[in-house]
PDB file of N, CA and C in Angstrom:
ATOM      1  N   MET A   1       7.100  -3.692  14.123  1.00  0.00           N
ATOM      2  CA  MET A   1       7.314  -4.811  13.230  1.00  0.00           C
ATOM      3  C   MET A   1       8.515  -4.657  12.308  1.00  0.00           C
ATOM      4  N   ASN A   2       9.341  -5.474  12.161  1.00  0.00           N
ATOM      5  CA  ASN A   2      10.566  -5.291  11.379  1.00  0.00           C
ATOM      6  C   ASN A   2      10.032  -5.114   9.902  1.00  0.00           C
ATOM      7  N   VAL A   3      10.838  -4.141   9.089  1.00  0.00           N
ATOM      8  CA  VAL A   3      10.575  -3.876   7.841  1.00  0.00           C
ATOM      9  C   VAL A   3      10.537  -4.985   6.741  1.00  0.00           C
ATOM     10  N   ASP A   4      11.325  -5.864   6.914  1.00  0.00           N
ATOM     11  CA  ASP A   4      11.457  -7.241   6.074  1.00  0.00           C
ATOM     12  C   ASP A   4      10.087  -7.960   6.513  1.00  0.00           C
ATOM     13  N   LYS A   5       9.873  -8.108   7.433  1.00  0.00           N
ATOM     14  CA  LYS A   5       8.709  -9.010   8.073  1.00  0.00           C
ATOM     15  C   LYS A   5       7.360  -8.362   7.545  1.00  0.00           C
ATOM     16  N   ALA A   6       7.329  -6.958   7.609  1.00  0.00           N
ATOM     17  CA  ALA A   6       5.926  -6.374   7.223  1.00  0.00           C
ATOM     18  C   ALA A   6       5.817  -6.457   5.455  1.00  0.00           C
ATOM     19  N   LYS A   7       6.954  -6.198   5.027  1.00  0.00           N
ATOM     20  CA  LYS A   7       7.221  -6.198   3.308  1.00  0.00           C
ATOM     21  C   LYS A   7       6.681  -7.645   2.960  1.00  0.00           C
ATOM     22  N   LYS A   8       7.152  -8.801   3.596  1.00  0.00           N
ATOM     23  CA  LYS A   8       6.856 -10.182   3.286  1.00  0.00           C
ATOM     24  C   LYS A   8       5.289 -10.251   3.328  1.00  0.00           C
ATOM     25  N   ARG A   9       4.813  -9.851   4.305  1.00  0.00           N
ATOM     26  CA  ARG A   9       3.231 -10.084   4.763  1.00  0.00           C
ATOM     27  C   ARG A   9       2.503  -9.322   3.713  1.00  0.00           C
ATOM     28  N   ILE A  10       2.751  -8.161   3.321  1.00  0.00           N
ATOM     29  CA  ILE A  10       2.278  -7.456   2.387  1.00  0.00           C
ATOM     30  C   ILE A  10       2.293  -8.151   1.055  1.00  0.00           C
ATOM     31  N   ALA A  11       3.454  -8.660   0.703  1.00  0.00           N
ATOM     32  CA  ALA A  11       3.644  -9.240  -0.619  1.00  0.00           C
ATOM     33  C   ALA A  11       2.814 -10.637  -0.839  1.00  0.00           C
ATOM     34  N   LYS A  12       2.763 -11.204   0.320  1.00  0.00           N
ATOM     35  CA  LYS A  12       2.013 -12.450   0.647  1.00  0.00           C
ATOM     36  C   LYS A  12       0.386 -12.299   0.205  1.00  0.00           C
ATOM     37  N   LEU A  13      -0.172 -11.038   0.615  1.00  0.00           N
ATOM     38  CA  LEU A  13      -1.399 -10.745   0.579  1.00  0.00           C
ATOM     39  C   LEU A  13      -1.536 -10.344  -0.853  1.00  0.00           C
ATOM     40  N   ILE A  14      -0.694  -9.797  -1.654  1.00  0.00           N
ATOM     41  CA  ILE A  14      -0.625  -9.364  -2.794  1.00  0.00           C
ATOM     42  C   ILE A  14      -0.870 -10.639  -3.646  1.00  0.00           C
ATOM     43  N   LYS A  15      -0.074 -11.660  -3.325  1.00  0.00           N
ATOM     44  CA  LYS A  15       0.088 -12.815  -4.169  1.00  0.00           C
ATOM     45  C   LYS A  15      -1.199 -13.503  -4.279  1.00  0.00           C
ATOM     46  N   LYS A  16      -1.926 -13.247  -3.337  1.00  0.00           N
ATOM     47  CA  LYS A  16      -3.361 -13.901  -3.334  1.00  0.00           C
ATOM     48  C   LYS A  16      -4.218 -13.780  -4.333  1.00  0.00           C
ATOM     49  N   GLY A  17      -3.991 -12.541  -4.944  1.00  0.00           N
ATOM     50  CA  GLY A  17      -4.796 -12.311  -6.022  1.00  0.00           C
ATOM     51  C   GLY A  17      -5.965 -11.570  -5.820  1.00  0.00           C
ATOM     52  N   ALA A  18      -7.091 -11.337  -6.771  1.00  0.00           N
ATOM     53  CA  ALA A  18      -8.172 -10.855  -6.402  1.00  0.00           C
ATOM     54  C   ALA A  18      -9.181 -11.656  -6.011  1.00  0.00           C
ATOM     55  N   LYS A  19      -9.827 -11.558  -4.673  1.00  0.00           N
ATOM     56  CA  LYS A  19     -10.651 -12.303  -3.885  1.00  0.00           C
ATOM     57  C   LYS A  19     -11.975 -11.657  -3.472  1.00  0.00           C
ATOM     58  N   GLY A  20     -12.035 -10.263  -4.192  1.00  0.00           N
ATOM     59  CA  GLY A  20     -13.458  -9.496  -4.022  1.00  0.00           C
ATOM     60  C   GLY A  20     -13.211  -8.366  -2.972  1.00  0.00           C
ATOM     61  N   TYR A  21     -14.197  -7.965  -2.639  1.00  0.00           N
ATOM     62  CA  TYR A  21     -14.294  -6.588  -1.957  1.00  0.00           C
ATOM     63  C   TYR A  21     -14.276  -6.936  -0.447  1.00  0.00           C
ATOM     64  N   PRO A  22     -13.759  -6.135   0.435  1.00  0.00           N
ATOM     65  CA  PRO A  22     -13.240  -4.856   0.286  1.00  0.00           C
ATOM     66  C   PRO A  22     -11.815  -5.040  -0.149  1.00  0.00           C
ATOM     67  N   THR A  23     -11.440  -3.915  -1.300  1.00  0.00           N
ATOM     68  CA  THR A  23      -9.975  -3.962  -1.704  1.00  0.00           C
ATOM     69  C   THR A  23      -9.057  -2.580  -1.149  1.00  0.00           C
ATOM     70  N   ILE A  24      -7.923  -3.205  -1.182  1.00  0.00           N
ATOM     71  CA  ILE A  24      -6.849  -2.188  -0.936  1.00  0.00           C
ATOM     72  C   ILE A  24      -5.729  -1.759  -2.099  1.00  0.00           C
ATOM     73  N   ALA A  25      -5.511  -0.799  -2.651  1.00  0.00           N
ATOM     74  CA  ALA A  25      -4.599  -0.658  -3.558  1.00  0.00           C
ATOM     75  C   ALA A  25      -3.523   0.072  -2.983  1.00  0.00           C
ATOM     76  N   ILE A  26      -2.170  -0.246  -3.220  1.00  0.00           N
ATOM     77  CA  ILE A  26      -1.045   0.601  -2.616  1.00  0.00           C
ATOM     78  C   ILE A  26      -0.161   1.045  -3.839  1.00  0.00           C
ATOM     79  N   GLU A  27       0.079   2.368  -3.922  1.00  0.00           N
ATOM     80  CA  GLU A  27       0.973   2.889  -5.004  1.00  0.00           C
ATOM     81  C   GLU A  27       1.959   3.575  -4.299  1.00  0.00           C
ATOM     82  N   TYR A  28       3.100   3.720  -4.911  1.00  0.00           N
ATOM     83  CA  TYR A  28       4.300   4.344  -4.258  1.00  0.00           C
ATOM     84  C   TYR A  28       4.549   5.382  -5.458  1.00  0.00           C
ATOM     85  N   PHE A  29       4.875   6.716  -4.890  1.00  0.00           N
ATOM     86  CA  PHE A  29       5.225   7.910  -5.771  1.00  0.00           C
ATOM     87  C   PHE A  29       6.592   8.548  -5.457  1.00  0.00           C
ATOM     88  N   GLY A  30       7.250   9.159  -6.273  1.00  0.00           N
ATOM     89  CA  GLY A  30       8.462   9.872  -5.923  1.00  0.00           C
ATOM     90  C   GLY A  30       8.871  10.828  -7.036  1.00  0.00           C
ATOM     91  N   ILE A  31       9.947  11.457  -6.911  1.00  0.00           N
ATOM     92  CA  ILE A  31      10.464  12.549  -7.673  1.00  0.00           C
ATOM     93  C   ILE A  31      11.374  11.775  -8.738  1.00  0.00           C
ATOM     94  N   THR A  32      12.109  10.964  -8.097  1.00  0.00           N
ATOM     95  CA  THR A  32      12.777  10.097  -8.953  1.00  0.00           C
ATOM     96  C   THR A  32      12.318   8.556  -8.911  1.00  0.00           C
ATOM     97  N   PRO A  33      12.719   7.827  -9.935  1.00  0.00           N
ATOM     98  CA  PRO A  33      12.261   6.649 -10.010  1.00  0.00           C
ATOM     99  C   PRO A  33      13.182   5.711  -9.166  1.00  0.00           C
ATOM    100  N   ASP A  34      14.030   6.015  -8.099  1.00  0.00           N
ATOM    101  CA  ASP A  34      14.655   5.377  -7.258  1.00  0.00           C
ATOM    102  C   ASP A  34      14.217   5.291  -5.916  1.00  0.00           C
ATOM    103  N   VAL A  35      13.347   6.508  -5.440  1.00  0.00           N
ATOM    104  CA  VAL A  35      13.054   6.863  -4.041  1.00  0.00           C
ATOM    105  C   VAL A  35      11.511   7.066  -3.780  1.00  0.00           C
ATOM    106  N   ALA A  36      10.960   6.507  -3.058  1.00  0.00           N
ATOM    107  CA  ALA A  36       9.458   6.672  -3.018  1.00  0.00           C
ATOM    108  C   ALA A  36       9.284   7.388  -1.773  1.00  0.00           C
ATOM    109  N   SER A  37       8.841   8.882  -2.084  1.00  0.00           N
ATOM    110  CA  SER A  37       8.692   9.683  -1.155  1.00  0.00           C
ATOM    111  C   SER A  37       7.371   9.863  -0.451  1.00  0.00           C
ATOM    112  N   GLU A  38       6.367   8.958  -1.152  1.00  0.00           N
ATOM    113  CA  GLU A  38       5.000   8.927  -0.796  1.00  0.00           C
ATOM    114  C   GLU A  38       4.226   7.590  -1.189  1.00  0.00           C
ATOM    115  N   VAL A  39       3.413   7.241  -0.287  1.00  0.00           N
ATOM    116  CA  VAL A  39       2.594   6.111  -0.656  1.00  0.00           C
ATOM    117  C   VAL A  39       1.092   6.602  -0.550  1.00  0.00           C
ATOM    118  N   VAL A  40       0.442   5.826  -1.487  1.00  0.00           N
ATOM    119  CA  VAL A  40      -1.090   6.106  -1.250  1.00  0.00           C
ATOM    120  C   VAL A  40      -1.810   4.848  -1.226  1.00  0.00           C
ATOM    121  N   VAL A  41      -2.551   4.855  -0.426  1.00  0.00           N
ATOM    122  CA  VAL A  41      -3.456   3.557  -0.169  1.00  0.00           C
ATOM    123  C   VAL A  41      -4.841   4.105  -0.428  1.00  0.00           C
ATOM    124  N   THR A  42      -5.353   3.301  -1.067  1.00  0.00           N
ATOM    125  CA  THR A  42      -6.995   3.465  -1.697  1.00  0.00           C
ATOM    126  C   THR A  42      -7.664   2.151  -1.100  1.00  0.00           C
ATOM    127  N   PHE A  43      -8.706   2.560  -0.372  1.00  0.00           N
ATOM    128  CA  PHE A  43      -9.589   1.578   0.175  1.00  0.00           C
ATOM    129  C   PHE A  43     -10.986   1.639  -0.631  1.00  0.00           C
ATOM    130  N   THR A  44     -11.482   0.543  -0.997  1.00  0.00           N
ATOM    131  CA  THR A  44     -12.829   0.364  -1.715  1.00  0.00           C
ATOM    132  C   THR A  44     -13.665  -0.680  -0.795  1.00  0.00           C
ATOM    133  N   LEU A  45     -14.849  -0.247  -0.400  1.00  0.00           N
ATOM    134  CA  LEU A  45     -15.485  -1.204   0.439  1.00  0.00           C
ATOM    135  C   LEU A  45     -16.304  -2.142  -0.454  1.00  0.00           C
ATOM    136  N   ASP A  46     -17.094  -1.862  -1.508  1.00  0.00           N
ATOM    137  CA  ASP A  46     -17.466  -2.597  -2.420  1.00  0.00           C
ATOM    138  C   ASP A  46     -17.776  -1.885  -3.757  1.00  0.00           C
ATOM    139  N   GLU A  47     -18.257  -2.771  -4.803  1.00  0.00           N
ATOM    140  CA  GLU A  47     -18.396  -2.097  -6.279  1.00  0.00           C
ATOM    141  C   GLU A  47     -19.397  -1.079  -6.073  1.00  0.00           C
ATOM    142  N   GLY A  48     -18.851  -0.009  -6.764  1.00  0.00           N
ATOM    143  CA  GLY A  48     -19.833   0.976  -6.959  1.00  0.00           C
ATOM    144  C   GLY A  48     -19.590   2.237  -5.772  1.00  0.00           C
ATOM    145  N   SER A  49     -19.062   1.827  -4.634  1.00  0.00           N
ATOM    146  CA  SER A  49     -18.747   2.672  -3.469  1.00  0.00           C
ATOM    147  C   SER A  49     -17.502   3.654  -3.862  1.00  0.00           C
ATOM    148  N   GLU A  50     -17.693   4.686  -3.096  1.00  0.00           N
ATOM    149  CA  GLU A  50     -16.683   5.765  -3.454  1.00  0.00           C
ATOM    150  C   GLU A  50     -15.366   5.249  -2.582  1.00  0.00           C
ATOM    151  N   SER A  51     -14.079   5.290  -3.320  1.00  0.00           N
ATOM    152  CA  SER A  51     -12.865   4.928  -2.674  1.00  0.00           C
ATOM    153  C   SER A  51     -12.531   5.891  -1.659  1.00  0.00           C
ATOM    154  N   GLN A  52     -11.951   5.522  -0.472  1.00  0.00           N
ATOM    155  CA  GLN A  52     -11.079   6.423   0.536  1.00  0.00           C
ATOM    156  C   GLN A  52      -9.574   6.032   0.169  1.00  0.00           C
ATOM    157  N   VAL A  53      -9.084   7.654   0.141  1.00  0.00           N
ATOM    158  CA  VAL A  53      -7.617   7.401  -0.139  1.00  0.00           C
ATOM    159  C   VAL A  53      -6.847   8.234   0.911  1.00  0.00           C
ATOM    160  N   GLN A  54      -5.816   7.589   1.363  1.00  0.00           N
ATOM    161  CA  GLN A  54      -4.923   7.925   2.350  1.00  0.00           C
ATOM    162  C   GLN A  54      -3.621   8.034   1.827  1.00  0.00           C
ATOM    163  N   LYS A  55      -2.950   9.361   2.020  1.00  0.00           N
ATOM    164  CA  LYS A  55      -1.392   9.615   1.601  1.00  0.00           C
ATOM    165  C   LYS A  55      -0.670   9.320   2.709  1.00  0.00           C
ATOM    166  N   ILE A  56       0.296   8.963   2.741  1.00  0.00           N
ATOM    167  CA  ILE A  56       1.587   8.842   3.675  1.00  0.00           C
ATOM    168  C   ILE A  56       3.020   9.637   2.915  1.00  0.00           C
ATOM    169  N   ALA A  57       3.325  10.402   3.581  1.00  0.00           N
ATOM    170  CA  ALA A  57       4.785  10.959   3.096  1.00  0.00           C
ATOM    171  C   ALA A  57       5.857  10.555   3.971  1.00  0.00           C
ATOM    172  N   SER A  58       6.927  10.471   3.211  1.00  0.00           N
ATOM    173  CA  SER A  58       8.162  10.133   4.046  1.00  0.00           C
ATOM    174  C   SER A  58       9.482  10.820   3.468  1.00  0.00           C
ATOM    175  N   GLU A  59      10.340  11.411   4.479  1.00  0.00           N
ATOM    176  CA  GLU A  59      11.504  11.779   3.963  1.00  0.00           C
ATOM    177  C   GLU A  59      12.684  11.030   3.293  1.00  0.00           C
ATOM    178  N   TYR A  60      12.426   9.873   3.556  1.00  0.00           N
ATOM    179  CA  TYR A  60      13.352   8.898   2.931  1.00  0.00           C
ATOM    180  C   TYR A  60      12.553   7.954   2.113  1.00  0.00           C
ATOM    181  N   ASP A  61      12.914   6.746   1.669  1.00  0.00           N
ATOM    182  CA  ASP A  61      12.323   5.724   0.912  1.00  0.00           C
ATOM    183  C   ASP A  61      11.044   4.996   1.633  1.00  0.00           C
ATOM    184  N   ALA A  62       9.830   5.328   1.241  1.00  0.00           N
ATOM    185  CA  ALA A  62       8.683   4.728   2.008  1.00  0.00           C
ATOM    186  C   ALA A  62       8.713   3.239   1.853  1.00  0.00           C
ATOM    187  N   ARG A  63       9.275   2.651   0.881  1.00  0.00           N
ATOM    188  CA  ARG A  63       9.213   1.269   0.758  1.00  0.00           C
ATOM    189  C   ARG A  63      10.290   0.507   1.659  1.00  0.00           C
ATOM    190  N   GLU A  64      11.196   1.283   2.173  1.00  0.00           N
ATOM    191  CA  GLU A  64      12.084   0.846   3.299  1.00  0.00           C
ATOM    192  C   GLU A  64      11.913   1.453   4.671  1.00  0.00           C
ATOM    193  N   ASP A  65      10.936   2.124   4.922  1.00  0.00           N
ATOM    194  CA  ASP A  65      10.493   2.848   6.263  1.00  0.00           C
ATOM    195  C   ASP A  65       9.764   1.882   7.081  1.00  0.00           C
ATOM    196  N   GLU A  66      10.278   1.540   8.114  1.00  0.00           N
ATOM    197  CA  GLU A  66       9.590   0.457   9.037  1.00  0.00           C
ATOM    198  C   GLU A  66       8.370   0.855   9.354  1.00  0.00           C
ATOM    199  N   SER A  67       8.143   2.062  10.008  1.00  0.00           N
ATOM    200  CA  SER A  67       6.876   2.590  10.488  1.00  0.00           C
ATOM    201  C   SER A  67       5.956   2.712   9.281  1.00  0.00           C
ATOM    202  N   ILE A  68       6.304   3.132   8.139  1.00  0.00           N
ATOM    203  CA  ILE A  68       5.258   3.172   7.173  1.00  0.00           C
ATOM    204  C   ILE A  68       4.712   1.722   6.714  1.00  0.00           C
ATOM    205  N   GLN A  69       5.731   0.812   6.631  1.00  0.00           N
ATOM    206  CA  GLN A  69       5.268  -0.623   6.070  1.00  0.00           C
ATOM    207  C   GLN A  69       4.456  -1.370   7.078  1.00  0.00           C
ATOM    208  N   SER A  70       4.648  -1.055   8.586  1.00  0.00           N
ATOM    209  CA  SER A  70       4.114  -1.506   9.583  1.00  0.00           C
ATOM    210  C   SER A  70       2.491  -0.854   9.473  1.00  0.00           C
ATOM    211  N   VAL A  71       2.305   0.310   9.236  1.00  0.00           N
ATOM    212  CA  VAL A  71       1.081   1.108   9.155  1.00  0.00           C
ATOM    213  C   VAL A  71       0.302   0.525   8.128  1.00  0.00           C
ATOM    214  N   LEU A  72       0.970   0.073   6.743  1.00  0.00           N
ATOM    215  CA  LEU A  72       0.255  -0.464   5.951  1.00  0.00           C
ATOM    216  C   LEU A  72      -0.302  -1.916   6.192  1.00  0.00           C
ATOM    217  N   VAL A  73       0.543  -2.665   6.855  1.00  0.00           N
ATOM    218  CA  VAL A  73      -0.129  -3.814   7.419  1.00  0.00           C
ATOM    219  C   VAL A  73      -1.300  -3.739   8.273  1.00  0.00           C
ATOM    220  N   LYS A  74      -1.104  -2.844   9.226  1.00  0.00           N
ATOM    221  CA  LYS A  74      -2.238  -2.465  10.134  1.00  0.00           C
ATOM    222  C   LYS A  74      -3.541  -2.043   9.177  1.00  0.00           C
ATOM    223  N   ILE A  75      -3.453  -1.270   8.299  1.00  0.00           N
ATOM    224  CA  ILE A  75      -4.482  -0.584   7.541  1.00  0.00           C
ATOM    225  C   ILE A  75      -5.174  -2.060   6.705  1.00  0.00           C
ATOM    226  N   ILE A  76      -4.375  -2.776   6.139  1.00  0.00           N
ATOM    227  CA  ILE A  76      -4.938  -3.829   5.531  1.00  0.00           C
ATOM    228  C   ILE A  76      -5.568  -4.841   6.853  1.00  0.00           C
ATOM    229  N   GLU A  77      -5.190  -5.092   7.753  1.00  0.00           N
ATOM    230  CA  GLU A  77      -5.878  -6.138   8.495  1.00  0.00           C
ATOM    231  C   GLU A  77      -7.030  -5.370   9.122  1.00  0.00           C
ATOM    232  N   ARG A  78      -7.217  -4.120   9.520  1.00  0.00           N
ATOM    233  CA  ARG A  78      -8.251  -3.272  10.025  1.00  0.00           C
ATOM    234  C   ARG A  78      -9.370  -3.207   8.847  1.00  0.00           C
ATOM    235  N   ALA A  79      -8.871  -3.215   7.647  1.00  0.00           N
ATOM    236  CA  ALA A  79     -10.133  -3.096   6.569  1.00  0.00           C
ATOM    237  C   ALA A  79     -10.514  -4.334   6.335  1.00  0.00           C
ATOM    238  N   ASN A  80      -9.758  -5.380   6.930  1.00  0.00           N
ATOM    239  CA  ASN A  80     -10.366  -6.963   6.408  1.00  0.00           C
ATOM    240  C   ASN A  80     -10.318  -7.074   5.045  1.00  0.00           C
ATOM    241  N   ALA A  81      -9.444  -6.492   4.311  1.00  0.00           N
ATOM    242  CA  ALA A  81      -9.473  -6.526   2.899  1.00  0.00           C
ATOM    243  C   ALA A  81      -9.209  -7.955   2.338  1.00  0.00           C
ATOM    244  N   ASN A  82      -9.991  -8.145   1.318  1.00  0.00           N
ATOM    245  CA  ASN A  82      -9.973  -9.586   0.766  1.00  0.00           C
ATOM    246  C   ASN A  82      -9.057  -9.416  -0.539  1.00  0.00           C
ATOM    247  N   THR A  83      -8.674  -8.345  -1.238  1.00  0.00           N
ATOM    248  CA  THR A  83      -7.763  -8.201  -2.156  1.00  0.00           C
ATOM    249  C   THR A  83      -6.929  -7.069  -1.898  1.00  0.00           C
ATOM    250  N   VAL A  84      -5.620  -7.251  -2.230  1.00  0.00           N
ATOM    251  CA  VAL A  84      -4.763  -6.215  -2.119  1.00  0.00           C
ATOM    252  C   VAL A  84      -3.939  -6.271  -3.293  1.00  0.00           C
ATOM    253  N   THR A  85      -3.731  -5.052  -3.851  1.00  0.00           N
ATOM    254  CA  THR A  85      -2.984  -4.725  -5.131  1.00  0.00           C
ATOM    255  C   THR A  85      -1.682  -3.854  -4.797  1.00  0.00           C
ATOM    256  N   GLU A  86      -0.958  -3.780  -5.750  1.00  0.00           N
ATOM    257  CA  GLU A  86       0.322  -2.991  -5.623  1.00  0.00           C
ATOM    258  C   GLU A  86       0.684  -2.419  -7.020  1.00  0.00           C
ATOM    259  N   VAL A  87       0.748  -1.317  -7.305  1.00  0.00           N
ATOM    260  CA  VAL A  87       1.323  -0.853  -8.573  1.00  0.00           C
ATOM    261  C   VAL A  87       3.195  -0.937  -8.531  1.00  0.00           C
ATOM    262  N   ASP A  88       3.347  -1.674  -9.717  1.00  0.00           N
ATOM    263  CA  ASP A  88       4.634  -1.918  -9.704  1.00  0.00           C
ATOM    264  C   ASP A  88       5.480  -0.579  -9.950  1.00  0.00           C
ATOM    265  N   GLY A  89       6.480  -0.493  -9.298  1.00  0.00           N
ATOM    266  CA  GLY A  89       7.608   0.641  -9.564  1.00  0.00           C
ATOM    267  C   GLY A  89       7.218   1.947  -8.572  1.00  0.00           C
ATOM    268  N   ILE A  90       7.652   2.829  -9.060  1.00  0.00           N
ATOM    269  CA  ILE A  90       7.566   4.066  -8.607  1.00  0.00           C
ATOM    270  C   ILE A  90       6.813   5.189  -9.415  1.00  0.00           C
ATOM    271  N   SER A  91       5.541   5.649  -9.216  1.00  0.00           N
ATOM    272  CA  SER A  91       5.022   6.384 -10.176  1.00  0.00           C
ATOM    273  C   SER A  91       5.563   7.983 -10.000  1.00  0.00           C
ATOM    274  N   PRO A  92       5.589   8.899 -10.820  1.00  0.00           N
ATOM    275  CA  PRO A  92       5.988  10.063 -10.862  1.00  0.00           C
ATOM    276  C   PRO A  92       5.269  11.099 -10.139  1.00  0.00           C
ATOM    277  N   ILE A  93       5.635  11.907  -9.371  1.00  0.00           N
ATOM    278  CA  ILE A  93       4.664  12.856  -8.482  1.00  0.00           C
ATOM    279  C   ILE A  93       4.527  14.057  -9.585  1.00  0.00           C
ATOM    280  N   ASP A  94       3.197  14.410  -9.761  1.00  0.00           N
ATOM    281  CA  ASP A  94       2.739  15.243 -10.622  1.00  0.00           C
ATOM    282  C   ASP A  94       2.961  16.718 -10.192  1.00  0.00           C
TER     283      ASP A  94
END
């Protein structure tokens, strides 16, 4: 899937807002605020359940990596997520 197409699809799902569970939260991390070298996807099935976390690393900017963006779309689709959120910007890696 084209990176722009995947990013648009994810953005559309984020704009829908909170629609209940299951939820997917996406957060990008990087050493600098310009390049996201890692993306963390958190899946929560329902209220009170333990969240599942998946980390995906990239040698380049994960936000512009076609394969990573396509994987994010697939994760969202397979989880049948009602709510998709994304943390703005790039969080620092601890």
